[in-house]
N, C-alpha and C. Protein backbone atom coordinates (compact mmCIF):
# COMPACT_ATOMS: atom_id res chain seq x y z
N MET A 1 -13.34 -9.74 2.59
CA MET A 1 -14.22 -9.00 1.71
C MET A 1 -15.54 -8.78 2.44
N PRO A 2 -16.10 -7.58 2.34
CA PRO A 2 -17.32 -7.28 3.10
C PRO A 2 -18.58 -7.97 2.59
N PHE A 3 -18.57 -8.47 1.38
CA PHE A 3 -19.74 -9.14 0.83
C PHE A 3 -19.39 -10.58 0.50
N PRO A 4 -20.33 -11.50 0.66
CA PRO A 4 -20.05 -12.92 0.35
C PRO A 4 -19.58 -13.06 -1.10
N ALA A 5 -18.57 -13.89 -1.30
CA ALA A 5 -17.99 -14.09 -2.64
C ALA A 5 -19.03 -14.60 -3.64
N ASP A 6 -20.05 -15.33 -3.16
CA ASP A 6 -21.05 -15.88 -4.07
C ASP A 6 -22.20 -14.91 -4.33
N SER A 7 -22.14 -13.69 -3.77
CA SER A 7 -23.17 -12.69 -4.06
C SER A 7 -22.77 -11.91 -5.31
N ALA A 8 -23.74 -11.25 -5.93
CA ALA A 8 -23.46 -10.47 -7.14
C ALA A 8 -22.45 -9.36 -6.85
N LEU A 9 -22.61 -8.65 -5.75
CA LEU A 9 -21.68 -7.57 -5.41
C LEU A 9 -20.31 -8.13 -5.03
N GLY A 10 -20.31 -9.25 -4.34
CA GLY A 10 -19.03 -9.89 -3.99
C GLY A 10 -18.26 -10.28 -5.23
N ALA A 11 -18.95 -10.80 -6.24
CA ALA A 11 -18.29 -11.18 -7.50
C ALA A 11 -17.74 -9.95 -8.21
N LEU A 12 -18.51 -8.86 -8.22
CA LEU A 12 -18.02 -7.63 -8.85
C LEU A 12 -16.79 -7.09 -8.13
N MET A 13 -16.81 -7.11 -6.81
CA MET A 13 -15.69 -6.57 -6.04
C MET A 13 -14.44 -7.44 -6.17
N ALA A 14 -14.61 -8.70 -6.48
CA ALA A 14 -13.47 -9.62 -6.60
C ALA A 14 -12.84 -9.59 -7.99
N THR A 15 -13.50 -8.96 -8.95
CA THR A 15 -13.02 -8.96 -10.32
C THR A 15 -12.18 -7.72 -10.59
N LEU A 16 -10.93 -7.96 -10.97
CA LEU A 16 -10.02 -6.87 -11.31
C LEU A 16 -9.53 -7.07 -12.73
N PRO A 17 -9.31 -5.98 -13.49
CA PRO A 17 -8.96 -6.13 -14.89
C PRO A 17 -7.59 -6.73 -15.16
N ARG A 18 -6.64 -6.52 -14.23
CA ARG A 18 -5.28 -7.02 -14.43
C ARG A 18 -4.52 -6.88 -13.11
N PRO A 19 -3.36 -7.52 -13.01
CA PRO A 19 -2.53 -7.31 -11.82
C PRO A 19 -1.95 -5.90 -11.83
N GLY A 20 -1.56 -5.42 -10.65
CA GLY A 20 -0.85 -4.16 -10.56
C GLY A 20 0.63 -4.41 -10.68
N GLN A 21 1.41 -3.33 -10.56
CA GLN A 21 2.86 -3.45 -10.65
C GLN A 21 3.52 -2.50 -9.66
N VAL A 22 4.56 -3.00 -8.98
CA VAL A 22 5.32 -2.19 -8.02
C VAL A 22 6.14 -1.16 -8.79
N ARG A 23 5.94 0.12 -8.48
CA ARG A 23 6.64 1.22 -9.16
C ARG A 23 7.67 1.90 -8.28
N TRP A 24 7.52 1.79 -6.95
CA TRP A 24 8.43 2.47 -6.01
C TRP A 24 8.36 1.73 -4.69
N ILE A 25 9.49 1.62 -3.99
CA ILE A 25 9.55 1.00 -2.66
C ILE A 25 10.34 1.94 -1.76
N GLY A 26 9.81 2.20 -0.58
CA GLY A 26 10.50 3.06 0.37
C GLY A 26 10.44 2.50 1.78
N LEU A 27 11.51 2.73 2.54
CA LEU A 27 11.61 2.30 3.93
C LEU A 27 11.94 3.51 4.80
N ARG A 28 11.44 3.49 6.02
CA ARG A 28 11.78 4.51 7.00
C ARG A 28 12.27 3.80 8.24
N PRO A 29 13.59 3.73 8.46
CA PRO A 29 14.15 2.98 9.58
C PRO A 29 13.77 3.53 10.95
N ALA A 30 13.47 4.83 11.04
CA ALA A 30 13.12 5.45 12.32
C ALA A 30 12.16 6.60 12.08
N ARG A 31 11.51 7.00 13.14
CA ARG A 31 10.57 8.13 13.08
C ARG A 31 11.33 9.42 12.75
N ASP A 32 10.67 10.30 12.04
CA ASP A 32 11.18 11.64 11.73
C ASP A 32 12.43 11.66 10.85
N ILE A 33 12.63 10.63 10.06
CA ILE A 33 13.72 10.68 9.08
C ILE A 33 13.11 10.43 7.70
N PRO A 34 13.80 10.89 6.65
CA PRO A 34 13.26 10.70 5.30
C PRO A 34 13.18 9.22 4.90
N MET A 35 12.26 8.95 3.99
CA MET A 35 12.14 7.61 3.41
C MET A 35 13.40 7.30 2.62
N GLN A 36 13.78 6.04 2.61
CA GLN A 36 14.91 5.57 1.82
C GLN A 36 14.37 4.71 0.68
N GLU A 37 14.60 5.15 -0.54
CA GLU A 37 14.13 4.41 -1.71
C GLU A 37 15.02 3.20 -1.93
N VAL A 38 14.39 2.03 -2.15
CA VAL A 38 15.13 0.80 -2.41
C VAL A 38 14.54 0.11 -3.64
N GLU A 39 15.32 -0.82 -4.21
CA GLU A 39 14.86 -1.57 -5.39
C GLU A 39 14.26 -2.92 -5.02
N ARG A 40 14.62 -3.42 -3.83
CA ARG A 40 14.18 -4.75 -3.40
C ARG A 40 14.04 -4.73 -1.89
N VAL A 41 13.12 -5.54 -1.38
CA VAL A 41 12.91 -5.57 0.07
C VAL A 41 12.55 -6.99 0.53
N GLU A 42 13.03 -7.34 1.72
CA GLU A 42 12.66 -8.60 2.38
C GLU A 42 11.46 -8.32 3.28
N VAL A 43 10.61 -9.33 3.42
CA VAL A 43 9.37 -9.18 4.18
C VAL A 43 9.28 -10.33 5.18
N VAL A 44 8.87 -10.02 6.42
CA VAL A 44 8.78 -11.03 7.48
C VAL A 44 7.33 -11.15 7.94
N ALA A 45 6.81 -12.39 7.90
CA ALA A 45 5.42 -12.66 8.30
C ALA A 45 5.18 -12.18 9.73
N GLY A 46 4.02 -11.55 9.94
CA GLY A 46 3.64 -11.07 11.26
C GLY A 46 4.38 -9.82 11.68
N LYS A 47 5.29 -9.35 10.87
CA LYS A 47 6.10 -8.17 11.21
C LYS A 47 5.92 -7.10 10.15
N GLY A 48 6.77 -7.13 9.11
CA GLY A 48 6.71 -6.10 8.08
C GLY A 48 7.93 -6.15 7.20
N LEU A 49 8.32 -4.99 6.69
CA LEU A 49 9.44 -4.88 5.76
C LEU A 49 10.74 -4.73 6.55
N VAL A 50 11.74 -5.53 6.22
CA VAL A 50 13.03 -5.45 6.88
C VAL A 50 13.63 -4.07 6.58
N GLY A 51 14.00 -3.36 7.63
CA GLY A 51 14.56 -2.02 7.48
C GLY A 51 13.57 -0.91 7.71
N ASP A 52 12.29 -1.24 7.86
CA ASP A 52 11.26 -0.23 8.11
C ASP A 52 10.91 -0.18 9.58
N ARG A 53 10.57 0.98 10.08
CA ARG A 53 10.29 1.13 11.51
C ARG A 53 9.06 0.34 11.97
N TYR A 54 8.16 0.02 11.07
CA TYR A 54 6.96 -0.73 11.46
C TYR A 54 7.20 -2.23 11.51
N LYS A 55 8.42 -2.69 11.30
CA LYS A 55 8.70 -4.13 11.34
C LYS A 55 8.69 -4.68 12.76
N SER A 56 8.19 -3.94 13.68
CA SER A 56 8.19 -4.36 15.08
C SER A 56 7.02 -5.26 15.44
N GLY A 57 6.23 -5.65 14.48
CA GLY A 57 5.10 -6.52 14.77
C GLY A 57 3.83 -5.74 15.02
N SER A 58 3.67 -4.62 14.29
CA SER A 58 2.51 -3.77 14.50
C SER A 58 1.22 -4.39 13.96
N GLY A 59 1.31 -5.59 13.40
CA GLY A 59 0.10 -6.29 12.97
C GLY A 59 -0.46 -5.77 11.67
N LYS A 60 -1.53 -5.01 11.76
CA LYS A 60 -2.25 -4.62 10.55
C LYS A 60 -1.51 -3.65 9.66
N ARG A 61 -0.44 -3.07 10.14
CA ARG A 61 0.30 -2.08 9.33
C ARG A 61 1.72 -2.57 9.03
N GLY A 62 1.86 -3.79 8.58
CA GLY A 62 3.17 -4.31 8.23
C GLY A 62 3.70 -3.68 6.97
N ILE A 63 2.81 -3.18 6.12
CA ILE A 63 3.18 -2.52 4.86
C ILE A 63 2.06 -1.55 4.50
N THR A 64 2.44 -0.46 3.83
CA THR A 64 1.45 0.49 3.33
C THR A 64 1.63 0.64 1.83
N LEU A 65 0.52 0.70 1.11
CA LEU A 65 0.54 0.81 -0.34
C LEU A 65 -0.30 2.00 -0.78
N ILE A 66 0.10 2.62 -1.86
CA ILE A 66 -0.67 3.72 -2.45
C ILE A 66 -0.66 3.55 -3.96
N GLN A 67 -1.70 4.00 -4.61
CA GLN A 67 -1.79 3.92 -6.06
C GLN A 67 -0.97 5.01 -6.72
N ALA A 68 -0.22 4.65 -7.74
CA ALA A 68 0.54 5.63 -8.52
C ALA A 68 -0.40 6.66 -9.13
N GLU A 69 -1.57 6.22 -9.54
CA GLU A 69 -2.54 7.10 -10.18
C GLU A 69 -3.07 8.17 -9.23
N HIS A 70 -2.91 7.98 -7.92
CA HIS A 70 -3.38 8.98 -6.95
C HIS A 70 -2.36 10.06 -6.68
N LEU A 71 -1.10 9.85 -7.03
CA LEU A 71 -0.07 10.86 -6.75
C LEU A 71 -0.38 12.20 -7.44
N PRO A 72 -0.74 12.21 -8.74
CA PRO A 72 -1.08 13.50 -9.36
C PRO A 72 -2.34 14.13 -8.76
N VAL A 73 -3.28 13.31 -8.29
CA VAL A 73 -4.49 13.83 -7.67
C VAL A 73 -4.14 14.54 -6.37
N VAL A 74 -3.33 13.90 -5.53
CA VAL A 74 -2.92 14.51 -4.26
C VAL A 74 -2.15 15.80 -4.54
N ALA A 75 -1.28 15.78 -5.54
CA ALA A 75 -0.53 16.99 -5.90
C ALA A 75 -1.49 18.11 -6.30
N ALA A 76 -2.43 17.80 -7.19
CA ALA A 76 -3.38 18.82 -7.65
C ALA A 76 -4.21 19.37 -6.50
N LEU A 77 -4.69 18.49 -5.62
CA LEU A 77 -5.51 18.94 -4.49
C LEU A 77 -4.70 19.75 -3.48
N SER A 78 -3.38 19.57 -3.50
CA SER A 78 -2.49 20.32 -2.60
C SER A 78 -1.96 21.59 -3.23
N GLY A 79 -2.26 21.80 -4.52
CA GLY A 79 -1.76 22.97 -5.22
C GLY A 79 -0.29 22.85 -5.59
N LEU A 80 0.18 21.62 -5.76
CA LEU A 80 1.58 21.37 -6.11
C LEU A 80 1.68 20.83 -7.53
N ALA A 81 2.82 21.04 -8.16
CA ALA A 81 3.04 20.51 -9.50
C ALA A 81 3.16 18.99 -9.49
N GLU A 82 3.79 18.44 -8.44
CA GLU A 82 3.94 16.99 -8.30
C GLU A 82 4.21 16.66 -6.84
N VAL A 83 4.04 15.38 -6.52
CA VAL A 83 4.30 14.88 -5.17
C VAL A 83 5.16 13.62 -5.29
N SER A 84 6.24 13.60 -4.56
CA SER A 84 7.11 12.42 -4.52
C SER A 84 6.48 11.36 -3.63
N PRO A 85 6.62 10.09 -3.99
CA PRO A 85 6.11 9.03 -3.11
C PRO A 85 6.69 9.11 -1.70
N ALA A 86 7.95 9.50 -1.58
CA ALA A 86 8.58 9.59 -0.26
C ALA A 86 7.88 10.61 0.62
N THR A 87 7.35 11.66 0.03
CA THR A 87 6.64 12.69 0.80
C THR A 87 5.41 12.12 1.49
N LEU A 88 4.75 11.17 0.83
CA LEU A 88 3.50 10.62 1.36
C LEU A 88 3.73 9.49 2.36
N ARG A 89 4.98 9.03 2.50
CA ARG A 89 5.39 8.10 3.54
C ARG A 89 4.68 6.74 3.47
N ARG A 90 4.39 6.27 2.26
CA ARG A 90 3.88 4.92 2.08
C ARG A 90 5.05 4.06 1.61
N ASN A 91 4.98 2.74 1.89
CA ASN A 91 6.09 1.86 1.52
C ASN A 91 6.14 1.51 0.04
N VAL A 92 4.98 1.34 -0.58
CA VAL A 92 4.96 0.82 -1.95
C VAL A 92 3.97 1.62 -2.79
N VAL A 93 4.43 2.02 -3.97
CA VAL A 93 3.56 2.65 -4.96
C VAL A 93 3.24 1.59 -6.00
N VAL A 94 1.94 1.40 -6.26
CA VAL A 94 1.44 0.38 -7.18
C VAL A 94 0.68 1.07 -8.31
N SER A 95 0.95 0.66 -9.54
CA SER A 95 0.17 1.18 -10.67
C SER A 95 -0.70 0.07 -11.25
N GLY A 96 -1.79 0.50 -11.92
CA GLY A 96 -2.61 -0.43 -12.68
C GLY A 96 -3.63 -1.23 -11.90
N LEU A 97 -3.74 -1.00 -10.61
CA LEU A 97 -4.65 -1.78 -9.76
C LEU A 97 -5.20 -0.86 -8.68
N PRO A 98 -6.51 -0.82 -8.48
CA PRO A 98 -7.05 -0.02 -7.38
C PRO A 98 -6.74 -0.72 -6.04
N VAL A 99 -5.76 -0.21 -5.31
CA VAL A 99 -5.31 -0.92 -4.10
C VAL A 99 -6.42 -1.10 -3.08
N ILE A 100 -7.41 -0.23 -3.08
CA ILE A 100 -8.51 -0.38 -2.12
C ILE A 100 -9.29 -1.67 -2.39
N ALA A 101 -9.21 -2.21 -3.61
CA ALA A 101 -9.88 -3.48 -3.94
C ALA A 101 -9.21 -4.64 -3.22
N LEU A 102 -8.04 -4.42 -2.63
CA LEU A 102 -7.34 -5.47 -1.88
C LEU A 102 -7.72 -5.48 -0.40
N LYS A 103 -8.53 -4.54 0.02
CA LYS A 103 -8.98 -4.47 1.41
C LYS A 103 -9.79 -5.72 1.75
N GLY A 104 -9.36 -6.40 2.82
CA GLY A 104 -10.07 -7.60 3.26
C GLY A 104 -9.73 -8.86 2.48
N ARG A 105 -8.75 -8.79 1.61
CA ARG A 105 -8.38 -9.98 0.85
C ARG A 105 -6.87 -10.15 0.80
N ARG A 106 -6.46 -11.34 0.43
CA ARG A 106 -5.02 -11.65 0.34
C ARG A 106 -4.51 -11.39 -1.07
N PHE A 107 -3.23 -11.02 -1.12
CA PHE A 107 -2.59 -10.74 -2.40
C PHE A 107 -1.10 -11.05 -2.30
N ARG A 108 -0.50 -11.26 -3.46
CA ARG A 108 0.91 -11.61 -3.53
C ARG A 108 1.68 -10.50 -4.23
N ILE A 109 2.86 -10.21 -3.67
CA ILE A 109 3.84 -9.36 -4.34
C ILE A 109 5.15 -10.13 -4.26
N GLY A 110 5.75 -10.46 -5.41
CA GLY A 110 6.96 -11.27 -5.41
C GLY A 110 6.66 -12.62 -4.77
N THR A 111 7.44 -12.99 -3.75
CA THR A 111 7.22 -14.27 -3.07
C THR A 111 6.48 -14.10 -1.75
N ALA A 112 6.09 -12.89 -1.41
CA ALA A 112 5.40 -12.62 -0.14
C ALA A 112 3.89 -12.54 -0.34
N VAL A 113 3.15 -12.89 0.71
CA VAL A 113 1.69 -12.80 0.68
C VAL A 113 1.25 -11.85 1.79
N PHE A 114 0.28 -11.00 1.47
CA PHE A 114 -0.23 -9.98 2.37
C PHE A 114 -1.74 -10.10 2.47
N GLU A 115 -2.31 -9.41 3.48
CA GLU A 115 -3.76 -9.30 3.60
C GLU A 115 -4.09 -7.84 3.88
N GLY A 116 -4.91 -7.27 3.01
CA GLY A 116 -5.32 -5.87 3.18
C GLY A 116 -6.16 -5.72 4.44
N THR A 117 -5.74 -4.83 5.33
CA THR A 117 -6.43 -4.67 6.62
C THR A 117 -7.29 -3.43 6.71
N GLY A 118 -7.04 -2.44 5.90
CA GLY A 118 -7.86 -1.24 5.97
C GLY A 118 -7.23 -0.05 5.28
N ASP A 119 -7.99 1.02 5.24
CA ASP A 119 -7.51 2.25 4.63
C ASP A 119 -6.28 2.76 5.36
N CYS A 120 -5.38 3.37 4.63
CA CYS A 120 -4.20 4.02 5.22
C CYS A 120 -4.52 5.51 5.26
N ASP A 121 -5.20 5.90 6.30
CA ASP A 121 -5.64 7.28 6.44
C ASP A 121 -4.45 8.22 6.64
N PRO A 122 -4.58 9.46 6.19
CA PRO A 122 -3.48 10.41 6.37
C PRO A 122 -3.33 10.78 7.85
N CYS A 123 -2.15 11.27 8.18
CA CYS A 123 -1.92 11.77 9.53
C CYS A 123 -1.72 13.28 9.46
N SER A 124 -1.64 13.91 10.61
CA SER A 124 -1.50 15.36 10.67
C SER A 124 -0.20 15.85 10.04
N ARG A 125 0.78 14.97 9.89
CA ARG A 125 2.06 15.35 9.29
C ARG A 125 1.92 15.75 7.82
N MET A 126 0.81 15.40 7.19
CA MET A 126 0.60 15.77 5.79
C MET A 126 0.46 17.28 5.63
N GLU A 127 0.06 17.99 6.68
CA GLU A 127 -0.01 19.45 6.62
C GLU A 127 1.39 20.03 6.40
N ALA A 128 2.38 19.51 7.11
CA ALA A 128 3.76 19.99 6.95
C ALA A 128 4.35 19.52 5.62
N ALA A 129 4.02 18.29 5.24
CA ALA A 129 4.60 17.71 4.02
C ALA A 129 4.04 18.34 2.75
N LEU A 130 2.74 18.62 2.74
CA LEU A 130 2.07 19.10 1.53
C LEU A 130 1.62 20.55 1.61
N GLY A 131 1.66 21.13 2.80
CA GLY A 131 1.17 22.49 3.00
C GLY A 131 -0.22 22.47 3.58
N PRO A 132 -0.75 23.67 3.88
CA PRO A 132 -2.10 23.75 4.45
C PRO A 132 -3.12 23.01 3.58
N GLY A 133 -3.92 22.19 4.21
CA GLY A 133 -4.91 21.38 3.49
C GLY A 133 -4.38 20.04 3.03
N GLY A 134 -3.12 19.76 3.33
CA GLY A 134 -2.51 18.50 2.90
C GLY A 134 -3.22 17.28 3.47
N TYR A 135 -3.68 17.39 4.70
CA TYR A 135 -4.42 16.28 5.32
C TYR A 135 -5.66 15.97 4.47
N ASN A 136 -6.43 16.99 4.14
CA ASN A 136 -7.65 16.77 3.36
C ASN A 136 -7.35 16.34 1.93
N ALA A 137 -6.23 16.79 1.37
CA ALA A 137 -5.85 16.36 0.02
C ALA A 137 -5.61 14.85 -0.03
N MET A 138 -5.15 14.30 1.09
CA MET A 138 -4.85 12.86 1.15
C MET A 138 -6.07 12.00 1.48
N ARG A 139 -7.11 12.61 2.01
CA ARG A 139 -8.28 11.81 2.40
C ARG A 139 -8.85 11.07 1.19
N GLN A 140 -9.12 9.79 1.36
CA GLN A 140 -9.61 8.88 0.32
C GLN A 140 -8.58 8.59 -0.76
N HIS A 141 -7.35 9.08 -0.59
CA HIS A 141 -6.27 8.81 -1.53
C HIS A 141 -5.05 8.26 -0.81
N GLY A 142 -5.20 7.88 0.46
CA GLY A 142 -4.07 7.47 1.28
C GLY A 142 -3.59 6.06 1.06
N GLY A 143 -4.38 5.24 0.40
CA GLY A 143 -3.95 3.89 0.11
C GLY A 143 -4.45 2.85 1.09
N LEU A 144 -3.65 1.81 1.29
CA LEU A 144 -4.07 0.62 2.03
C LEU A 144 -2.98 0.17 2.98
N CYS A 145 -3.38 -0.27 4.16
CA CYS A 145 -2.48 -0.95 5.10
C CYS A 145 -2.69 -2.45 4.92
N ALA A 146 -1.63 -3.23 5.14
CA ALA A 146 -1.76 -4.68 5.03
C ALA A 146 -0.82 -5.36 6.02
N ARG A 147 -1.20 -6.56 6.41
CA ARG A 147 -0.35 -7.39 7.27
C ARG A 147 0.37 -8.41 6.40
N VAL A 148 1.53 -8.85 6.88
CA VAL A 148 2.30 -9.84 6.14
C VAL A 148 1.88 -11.24 6.60
N ILE A 149 1.43 -12.05 5.68
CA ILE A 149 0.96 -13.41 5.97
C ILE A 149 2.08 -14.43 5.72
N VAL A 150 2.80 -14.28 4.61
CA VAL A 150 3.88 -15.20 4.24
C VAL A 150 5.14 -14.38 3.95
N SER A 151 6.23 -14.73 4.61
CA SER A 151 7.51 -14.05 4.39
C SER A 151 7.99 -14.25 2.96
N GLY A 152 8.81 -13.33 2.49
CA GLY A 152 9.37 -13.43 1.15
C GLY A 152 10.10 -12.16 0.80
N SER A 153 10.10 -11.83 -0.47
CA SER A 153 10.73 -10.60 -0.94
C SER A 153 10.03 -10.15 -2.21
N PHE A 154 10.23 -8.87 -2.54
CA PHE A 154 9.75 -8.35 -3.81
C PHE A 154 10.64 -7.21 -4.26
N ARG A 155 10.49 -6.84 -5.52
CA ARG A 155 11.34 -5.80 -6.10
C ARG A 155 10.51 -4.92 -7.04
N LEU A 156 11.14 -3.84 -7.48
CA LEU A 156 10.51 -2.97 -8.46
C LEU A 156 10.11 -3.78 -9.68
N GLY A 157 8.93 -3.51 -10.20
CA GLY A 157 8.44 -4.20 -11.39
C GLY A 157 7.65 -5.46 -11.11
N ASP A 158 7.71 -5.99 -9.87
CA ASP A 158 6.95 -7.20 -9.56
C ASP A 158 5.44 -6.94 -9.65
N ALA A 159 4.71 -7.99 -9.96
CA ALA A 159 3.25 -7.91 -10.03
C ALA A 159 2.64 -7.88 -8.64
N VAL A 160 1.51 -7.21 -8.53
CA VAL A 160 0.68 -7.21 -7.33
C VAL A 160 -0.59 -7.94 -7.74
N GLU A 161 -0.75 -9.19 -7.22
CA GLU A 161 -1.81 -10.06 -7.70
C GLU A 161 -2.74 -10.49 -6.59
N PRO A 162 -4.04 -10.18 -6.71
CA PRO A 162 -5.00 -10.69 -5.75
C PRO A 162 -5.04 -12.22 -5.81
N LEU A 163 -5.24 -12.85 -4.67
CA LEU A 163 -5.31 -14.30 -4.62
C LEU A 163 -6.76 -14.75 -4.46
N ALA A 164 -7.10 -15.85 -5.11
CA ALA A 164 -8.40 -16.47 -4.89
C ALA A 164 -8.41 -17.03 -3.48
N ALA A 165 -9.57 -17.18 -2.90
CA ALA A 165 -9.68 -17.66 -1.51
C ALA A 165 -8.94 -18.98 -1.29
N ASP A 166 -8.99 -19.87 -2.27
CA ASP A 166 -8.35 -21.17 -2.11
C ASP A 166 -6.83 -21.11 -2.36
N ASP A 167 -6.32 -19.99 -2.89
CA ASP A 167 -4.88 -19.81 -3.10
C ASP A 167 -4.23 -19.00 -1.97
N ALA A 168 -5.04 -18.49 -1.06
CA ALA A 168 -4.57 -17.50 -0.09
C ALA A 168 -3.83 -18.09 1.10
N ALA A 169 -3.77 -19.39 1.25
CA ALA A 169 -3.11 -19.97 2.42
C ALA A 169 -1.61 -20.00 2.27
């Protein structure tokens, strides 16, 4: 977290109204192929999601998350009626929790523990996926990258819960 936990701003940034919930899970086994929607996934510490191309130990990008609430925004900014999570190429869609609030902190999904490492900025491929301006439609709506701290698994419907500093080990 960018601010000390005992500061007023640190306390505000650490307070979330409720846990989030996993709404969609997708894997991409190789570059340039469509996402594969799954109901459950295994996670390996220091690596990523089993079956995803980033499971090679890429460190800070072991998993990518995006807010369900941002999908209609990206669609509207792209001039589309709707956008499928697979189009945006993120691994997990989460509802009910601002995923950017997990940046710099640890959180649990199912039995796995993650640490938010930074914004998941869009890539140039969003122009082809969403049409002209797709890159800019995704800016500030791209979600969060995270590293895997503790191996485990999670499934659709599981809670996404921030961990207190003393629970994060």
